[in-house]
Amino acid sequence: MMDVITPISMNKGINWSDANADDIQTIRHGYSHHPIGIIMIIVMGLAVWILGFRLIKVIVIAAAFILSGWSFFVLSPHFLHLDVCCAEGTPVQVRIAVSIIVSLMAGAIACFVYKLGLFCLGSCLGLVLAVAGSALVLTNILHSPLAYYGIYGGCALLIGIMAVVFEKIFVILATSVVGSLAVIYEIDYFAKTPFTQTMMYALDQVKCGLHNAVNNPSEFHLHWRGTLTDKTIAMYLGWLLMILVGFYIQFVYTSQEISSKLMVKTCGGNQADYCDEHDEPLTPQYVLLNTAPIRTQVHEYGKAQRIRKYLR
């Protein structure tokens, strides 16, 4: 029988061979074992992958609801010791109820301060990139903790501001990455490659790296142990391809609004001439979407072929 793979054993070094693929099941969430759960995750992943920008408000609220409730339920016993909640001996049902209240409040806040949430997500991404980049490049150059803290704060602030300024690109890229990862993650459930194993190892490195970077930034190093198999590389390439395709689909099609400049009025359904302000339509008015130059409005080109009918 194979040993159970845990984040602790990952740090000791793992050979990412296909022989270890069955062990991946030991670190999966319970719902992933059920076919209905797998189908639901794939469907939600595809929806986020294709329509992420359209559904961003729903995604942000749902993410705030789930993450805040889960974080409070897991972390509250470590820092909150009240008789009402979370102290030793408090019923689990009480902690669940308080976690639901916290998650509802977080969801409501995320609904009204969407830009702030976007800035926080960008700042978190900037912090992770700064920690990883400094560990790979600046470890042997800088030795002052203050210098590292300045880099961390500057990168977090910069990426956070960029996420707000370039909201569309940031949201489309983020939803393409997350949605495609959900699909690939569940495909790997059937393929049984070490893809999930390597992802768990990478997440464990990030978690430990953030803790070590705060305490001893000048002594923090990133280490990658093990070799990637051909199947694992194929899964990562498939994930990258899905990210690019999802970004293209969202940016060109699903995230675009129909421009009013492309709309042309006609006097009737069978007439090709245009109406002016004094013409009375003989039949219900139609709106034709005129073709737009591909070089300037490529995202409008497909929509420009459609005809939309409405009553005045």
Protein backbone atom coordinates (compact mmCIF):
# COMPACT_ATOMS: atom_id res chain seq x y z
CA MET A 1 0.00 0.00 0.00
CA MET A 2 1.26 3.44 -0.91
CA ASP A 3 1.91 6.08 1.71
CA VAL A 4 -0.56 8.90 2.14
CA ILE A 5 0.65 12.11 0.56
CA THR A 6 0.43 15.15 2.80
CA PRO A 7 1.85 18.67 2.42
CA ILE A 8 4.47 17.77 5.03
CA SER A 9 5.69 14.78 3.07
CA MET A 10 5.73 16.91 -0.07
CA ASN A 11 8.37 19.18 1.40
CA LYS A 12 10.69 16.22 1.86
CA GLY A 13 10.86 15.70 -1.87
CA ILE A 14 8.59 13.77 -4.20
CA ASN A 15 9.16 11.97 -7.43
CA TRP A 16 6.22 13.05 -9.55
CA SER A 17 5.86 9.66 -11.19
CA ASP A 18 2.64 8.11 -12.46
CA ALA A 19 3.01 5.43 -9.81
CA ASN A 20 2.05 8.04 -7.22
CA ALA A 21 -1.05 9.12 -9.11
CA ASP A 22 -3.43 6.98 -7.04
CA ASP A 23 -2.27 8.76 -3.91
CA ILE A 24 -3.75 11.97 -5.26
CA GLN A 25 -7.18 10.76 -4.21
CA THR A 26 -6.17 11.03 -0.55
CA ILE A 27 -5.86 14.81 -0.76
CA ARG A 28 -9.07 15.46 -2.68
CA HIS A 29 -12.16 17.00 -1.16
CA GLY A 30 -14.96 14.60 -0.38
CA TYR A 31 -17.41 15.94 -2.96
CA SER A 32 -14.92 15.33 -5.75
CA HIS A 33 -15.37 11.59 -5.34
CA HIS A 34 -19.02 11.79 -6.36
CA PRO A 35 -19.83 12.07 -10.09
CA ILE A 36 -22.47 14.73 -9.42
CA GLY A 37 -19.91 16.88 -7.62
CA ILE A 38 -17.45 16.48 -10.48
CA ILE A 39 -20.08 17.47 -13.06
CA MET A 40 -21.13 20.50 -11.00
CA ILE A 41 -17.54 21.73 -10.67
CA ILE A 42 -16.91 21.26 -14.40
CA VAL A 43 -20.11 23.14 -15.31
CA MET A 44 -19.31 26.01 -12.92
CA GLY A 45 -15.72 26.08 -14.17
CA LEU A 46 -16.88 26.33 -17.79
CA ALA A 47 -19.32 29.11 -16.86
CA VAL A 48 -16.56 31.10 -15.15
CA TRP A 49 -14.16 30.31 -18.01
CA ILE A 50 -16.50 31.64 -20.71
CA LEU A 51 -18.70 34.17 -18.89
CA GLY A 52 -16.45 35.24 -16.04
CA PHE A 53 -16.56 38.96 -16.83
CA ARG A 54 -20.36 38.91 -17.13
CA LEU A 55 -20.72 37.04 -13.85
CA ILE A 56 -17.99 38.86 -11.94
CA LYS A 57 -20.35 40.47 -9.41
CA VAL A 58 -21.89 37.10 -8.61
CA ILE A 59 -18.44 35.51 -8.44
CA VAL A 60 -17.09 38.18 -6.09
CA ILE A 61 -20.08 37.92 -3.76
CA ALA A 62 -19.97 34.12 -3.77
CA ALA A 63 -16.21 34.11 -3.20
CA ALA A 64 -16.51 36.55 -0.31
CA PHE A 65 -19.35 34.49 1.18
CA ILE A 66 -17.52 31.16 0.93
CA LEU A 67 -13.99 32.29 1.81
CA SER A 68 -15.01 34.44 4.76
CA GLY A 69 -17.26 31.78 6.24
CA TRP A 70 -14.71 29.02 5.79
CA SER A 71 -11.84 31.17 7.10
CA PHE A 72 -13.79 32.19 10.20
CA PHE A 73 -14.87 28.62 10.92
CA VAL A 74 -11.30 27.31 10.62
CA LEU A 75 -9.33 30.15 12.22
CA SER A 76 -11.70 31.48 14.89
CA PRO A 77 -10.73 28.90 17.56
CA HIS A 78 -7.13 30.17 17.35
CA PHE A 79 -7.79 33.87 17.98
CA LEU A 80 -11.36 34.27 19.28
CA HIS A 81 -12.06 32.97 22.78
CA LEU A 82 -15.51 34.13 23.83
CA ASP A 83 -18.12 32.35 25.87
CA VAL A 84 -20.66 32.85 23.11
CA CYS A 85 -18.56 31.50 20.28
CA CYS A 86 -15.38 29.71 19.40
CA ALA A 87 -14.01 29.08 22.91
CA GLU A 88 -13.03 25.58 23.93
CA GLY A 89 -16.16 23.54 24.56
CA THR A 90 -18.41 25.72 22.39
CA PRO A 91 -20.79 23.60 20.27
CA VAL A 92 -19.87 23.30 16.62
CA GLN A 93 -23.39 24.34 15.62
CA VAL A 94 -22.83 27.75 17.24
CA ARG A 95 -19.58 28.25 15.33
CA ILE A 96 -21.31 27.27 12.09
CA ALA A 97 -24.12 29.77 12.73
CA VAL A 98 -21.68 32.59 13.48
CA SER A 99 -19.64 31.66 10.39
CA ILE A 100 -22.77 31.95 8.25
CA ILE A 101 -23.50 35.39 9.71
CA VAL A 102 -19.92 36.51 9.02
CA SER A 103 -20.10 35.18 5.45
CA LEU A 104 -23.40 37.01 4.83
CA MET A 105 -21.87 40.26 6.05
CA ALA A 106 -18.80 39.73 3.86
CA GLY A 107 -20.99 39.02 0.83
CA ALA A 108 -23.00 42.19 1.44
CA ILE A 109 -19.84 44.27 1.80
CA ALA A 110 -18.41 42.76 -1.39
CA CYS A 111 -21.61 43.70 -3.20
CA PHE A 112 -21.24 47.40 -2.36
CA VAL A 113 -17.45 47.79 -2.40
CA TYR A 114 -16.62 45.82 -5.52
CA LYS A 115 -13.68 48.04 -6.44
CA LEU A 116 -12.17 47.62 -3.00
CA GLY A 117 -12.44 43.85 -3.31
CA LEU A 118 -10.79 44.01 -6.71
CA PHE A 119 -7.97 46.08 -5.24
CA CYS A 120 -7.50 43.57 -2.41
CA LEU A 121 -7.35 40.65 -4.84
CA GLY A 122 -4.78 42.48 -6.95
CA SER A 123 -2.76 43.32 -3.85
CA CYS A 124 -2.73 39.69 -2.75
CA LEU A 125 -1.53 38.66 -6.20
CA GLY A 126 1.16 41.34 -6.12
CA LEU A 127 2.34 40.16 -2.71
CA VAL A 128 2.64 36.55 -3.88
CA LEU A 129 4.52 37.60 -7.03
CA ALA A 130 6.83 39.85 -5.01
CA VAL A 131 7.65 37.09 -2.51
CA ALA A 132 8.31 34.55 -5.26
CA GLY A 133 10.32 36.96 -7.41
CA SER A 134 12.49 38.23 -4.57
CA ALA A 135 13.15 34.68 -3.38
CA LEU A 136 14.33 33.69 -6.84
CA VAL A 137 16.28 36.82 -7.79
CA LEU A 138 17.16 39.01 -4.80
CA THR A 139 18.06 36.51 -2.08
CA ASN A 140 21.81 36.87 -2.55
CA ILE A 141 21.67 40.61 -3.34
CA LEU A 142 19.61 42.24 -0.59
CA HIS A 143 20.09 41.46 3.09
CA SER A 144 17.98 44.10 4.83
CA PRO A 145 14.47 42.99 5.84
CA LEU A 146 13.22 46.56 5.33
CA ALA A 147 14.23 46.41 1.68
CA TYR A 148 12.18 43.25 1.20
CA TYR A 149 9.21 44.72 3.03
CA GLY A 150 9.39 47.76 0.77
CA ILE A 151 9.39 45.54 -2.31
CA TYR A 152 6.47 43.50 -0.99
CA GLY A 153 4.40 46.57 -0.16
CA GLY A 154 5.27 48.36 -3.39
CA CYS A 155 4.39 45.38 -5.59
CA ALA A 156 1.16 44.75 -3.69
CA LEU A 157 0.13 48.40 -4.06
CA LEU A 158 1.13 48.54 -7.74
CA ILE A 159 -0.70 45.36 -8.76
CA GLY A 160 -3.73 46.38 -6.70
CA ILE A 161 -3.96 49.73 -8.50
CA MET A 162 -3.40 48.07 -11.88
CA ALA A 163 -6.21 45.61 -11.12
CA VAL A 164 -8.60 48.54 -10.61
CA VAL A 165 -7.36 50.58 -13.59
CA PHE A 166 -7.27 47.61 -15.98
CA GLU A 167 -10.31 45.97 -14.44
CA LYS A 168 -11.49 44.22 -17.58
CA ILE A 169 -8.17 42.59 -18.45
CA PHE A 170 -7.52 41.59 -14.83
CA VAL A 171 -10.97 40.07 -14.34
CA ILE A 172 -10.94 38.21 -17.66
CA LEU A 173 -7.48 36.80 -16.99
CA ALA A 174 -8.35 35.79 -13.42
CA THR A 175 -11.61 34.10 -14.39
CA SER A 176 -9.95 32.33 -17.32
CA VAL A 177 -7.27 30.94 -15.01
CA VAL A 178 -9.66 29.87 -12.24
CA GLY A 179 -12.35 28.47 -14.54
CA SER A 180 -9.91 26.46 -16.64
CA LEU A 181 -8.16 25.20 -13.49
CA ALA A 182 -11.48 23.85 -12.17
CA VAL A 183 -12.07 21.98 -15.44
CA ILE A 184 -8.52 20.60 -15.64
CA TYR A 185 -8.63 19.64 -11.96
CA GLU A 186 -11.69 17.46 -12.50
CA ILE A 187 -10.35 16.03 -15.76
CA ASP A 188 -7.29 14.99 -13.78
CA TYR A 189 -9.63 13.08 -11.46
CA PHE A 190 -10.21 10.66 -14.34
CA ALA A 191 -6.77 10.92 -15.96
CA LYS A 192 -5.00 10.21 -12.63
CA THR A 193 -1.87 12.19 -13.48
CA PRO A 194 0.39 13.91 -10.89
CA PHE A 195 -1.04 17.31 -11.91
CA THR A 196 -3.04 17.70 -8.70
CA GLN A 197 -0.07 16.50 -6.68
CA THR A 198 2.18 19.20 -8.09
CA MET A 199 -0.48 21.87 -7.60
CA MET A 200 -0.84 20.91 -3.93
CA TYR A 201 2.93 21.10 -3.56
CA ALA A 202 3.04 24.53 -5.20
CA LEU A 203 0.25 25.84 -2.95
CA ASP A 204 2.07 24.48 0.09
CA GLN A 205 5.22 26.28 -1.03
CA VAL A 206 3.27 29.54 -1.37
CA LYS A 207 1.70 29.14 2.07
CA CYS A 208 5.02 28.38 3.77
CA GLY A 209 6.75 31.03 1.68
CA LEU A 210 4.44 33.81 2.82
CA HIS A 211 5.02 32.87 6.46
CA ASN A 212 8.81 32.66 6.08
CA ALA A 213 8.99 35.83 3.98
CA VAL A 214 7.40 37.83 6.79
CA ASN A 215 9.73 36.50 9.49
CA ASN A 216 13.05 36.08 7.63
CA PRO A 217 12.76 37.53 4.11
CA SER A 218 16.50 37.56 3.47
CA GLU A 219 16.81 33.85 4.28
CA PHE A 220 13.79 32.64 2.34
CA HIS A 221 14.42 30.39 -0.68
CA LEU A 222 12.10 28.60 -3.07
CA HIS A 223 12.94 24.98 -3.79
CA TRP A 224 11.30 22.73 -6.34
CA ARG A 225 11.84 19.05 -5.71
CA GLY A 226 11.00 16.27 -8.11
CA THR A 227 10.63 15.94 -11.86
CA LEU A 228 7.53 16.44 -14.00
CA THR A 229 6.34 13.53 -16.10
CA ASP A 230 5.12 13.82 -19.69
CA LYS A 231 1.51 13.46 -18.56
CA THR A 232 1.90 16.24 -16.02
CA ILE A 233 3.48 18.54 -18.61
CA ALA A 234 0.62 17.74 -21.00
CA MET A 235 -1.91 18.70 -18.33
CA TYR A 236 -0.14 22.01 -17.68
CA LEU A 237 0.02 22.75 -21.41
CA GLY A 238 -3.68 21.96 -21.68
CA TRP A 239 -4.36 24.35 -18.79
CA LEU A 240 -2.31 27.09 -20.50
CA LEU A 241 -4.19 26.52 -23.77
CA MET A 242 -7.54 26.76 -21.99
CA ILE A 243 -6.43 30.02 -20.33
CA LEU A 244 -5.54 31.56 -23.70
CA VAL A 245 -8.74 30.37 -25.37
CA GLY A 246 -10.88 31.55 -22.45
CA PHE A 247 -9.21 34.96 -22.44
CA TYR A 248 -9.79 35.32 -26.18
CA ILE A 249 -13.44 34.25 -26.02
CA GLN A 250 -14.22 36.61 -23.15
CA PHE A 251 -12.27 39.59 -24.47
CA VAL A 252 -13.57 39.35 -28.04
CA TYR A 253 -17.13 38.14 -27.52
CA THR A 254 -18.78 37.55 -24.16
CA SER A 255 -17.49 40.66 -22.35
CA GLN A 256 -18.45 43.15 -25.06
CA GLU A 257 -21.48 45.41 -25.26
CA ILE A 258 -23.27 46.09 -28.53
CA SER A 259 -22.25 49.56 -29.70
CA SER A 260 -25.08 51.98 -30.51
CA LYS A 261 -22.98 53.30 -33.42
CA LEU A 262 -23.63 50.05 -35.29
CA MET A 263 -27.42 50.36 -35.18
CA VAL A 264 -29.22 51.49 -38.34
CA LYS A 265 -32.98 52.10 -38.54
CA THR A 266 -35.20 50.91 -41.41
CA CYS A 267 -38.72 51.99 -42.31
CA GLY A 268 -40.02 48.45 -42.62
CA GLY A 269 -39.06 44.82 -42.58
CA ASN A 270 -38.86 44.52 -46.39
CA GLN A 271 -37.30 47.89 -47.16
CA ALA A 272 -33.60 48.48 -47.48
CA ASP A 273 -33.64 52.28 -47.30
CA TYR A 274 -32.88 54.12 -44.11
CA CYS A 275 -35.38 56.10 -42.05
CA ASP A 276 -35.05 59.71 -41.11
CA GLU A 277 -36.54 61.48 -38.14
CA HIS A 278 -39.87 62.27 -39.95
CA ASP A 279 -40.60 58.79 -41.32
CA GLU A 280 -43.35 56.74 -39.74
CA PRO A 281 -42.58 53.03 -39.63
CA LEU A 282 -45.25 50.99 -41.43
CA THR A 283 -44.36 47.84 -39.55
CA PRO A 284 -42.65 47.18 -36.22
CA GLN A 285 -39.30 48.88 -36.41
CA TYR A 286 -36.12 46.86 -36.89
CA VAL A 287 -32.60 47.63 -35.83
CA LEU A 288 -29.85 46.39 -38.11
CA LEU A 289 -26.36 46.01 -36.80
CA ASN A 290 -24.13 47.42 -39.48
CA THR A 291 -20.79 45.70 -40.08
CA ALA A 292 -17.80 47.23 -38.33
CA PRO A 293 -14.20 47.23 -39.56
CA ILE A 294 -12.42 44.17 -38.25
CA ARG A 295 -9.21 46.08 -37.68
CA THR A 296 -10.86 48.50 -35.24
CA GLN A 297 -13.79 46.61 -33.70
CA VAL A 298 -13.09 42.93 -34.05
CA HIS A 299 -15.29 42.12 -31.08
CA GLU A 300 -18.28 43.79 -32.82
CA TYR A 301 -17.86 41.97 -36.13
CA GLY A 302 -19.72 38.81 -35.19
CA LYS A 303 -22.49 40.76 -33.51
CA ALA A 304 -22.79 43.07 -36.50
CA GLN A 305 -24.37 40.27 -38.50
CA ARG A 306 -27.33 39.94 -36.14
CA ILE A 307 -30.69 41.66 -36.52
CA ARG A 308 -32.58 42.76 -33.43
CA LYS A 309 -36.27 43.55 -33.57
CA TYR A 310 -38.11 45.75 -31.11
CA LEU A 311 -41.33 47.76 -30.87
CA ARG A 312 -41.10 51.51 -30.51
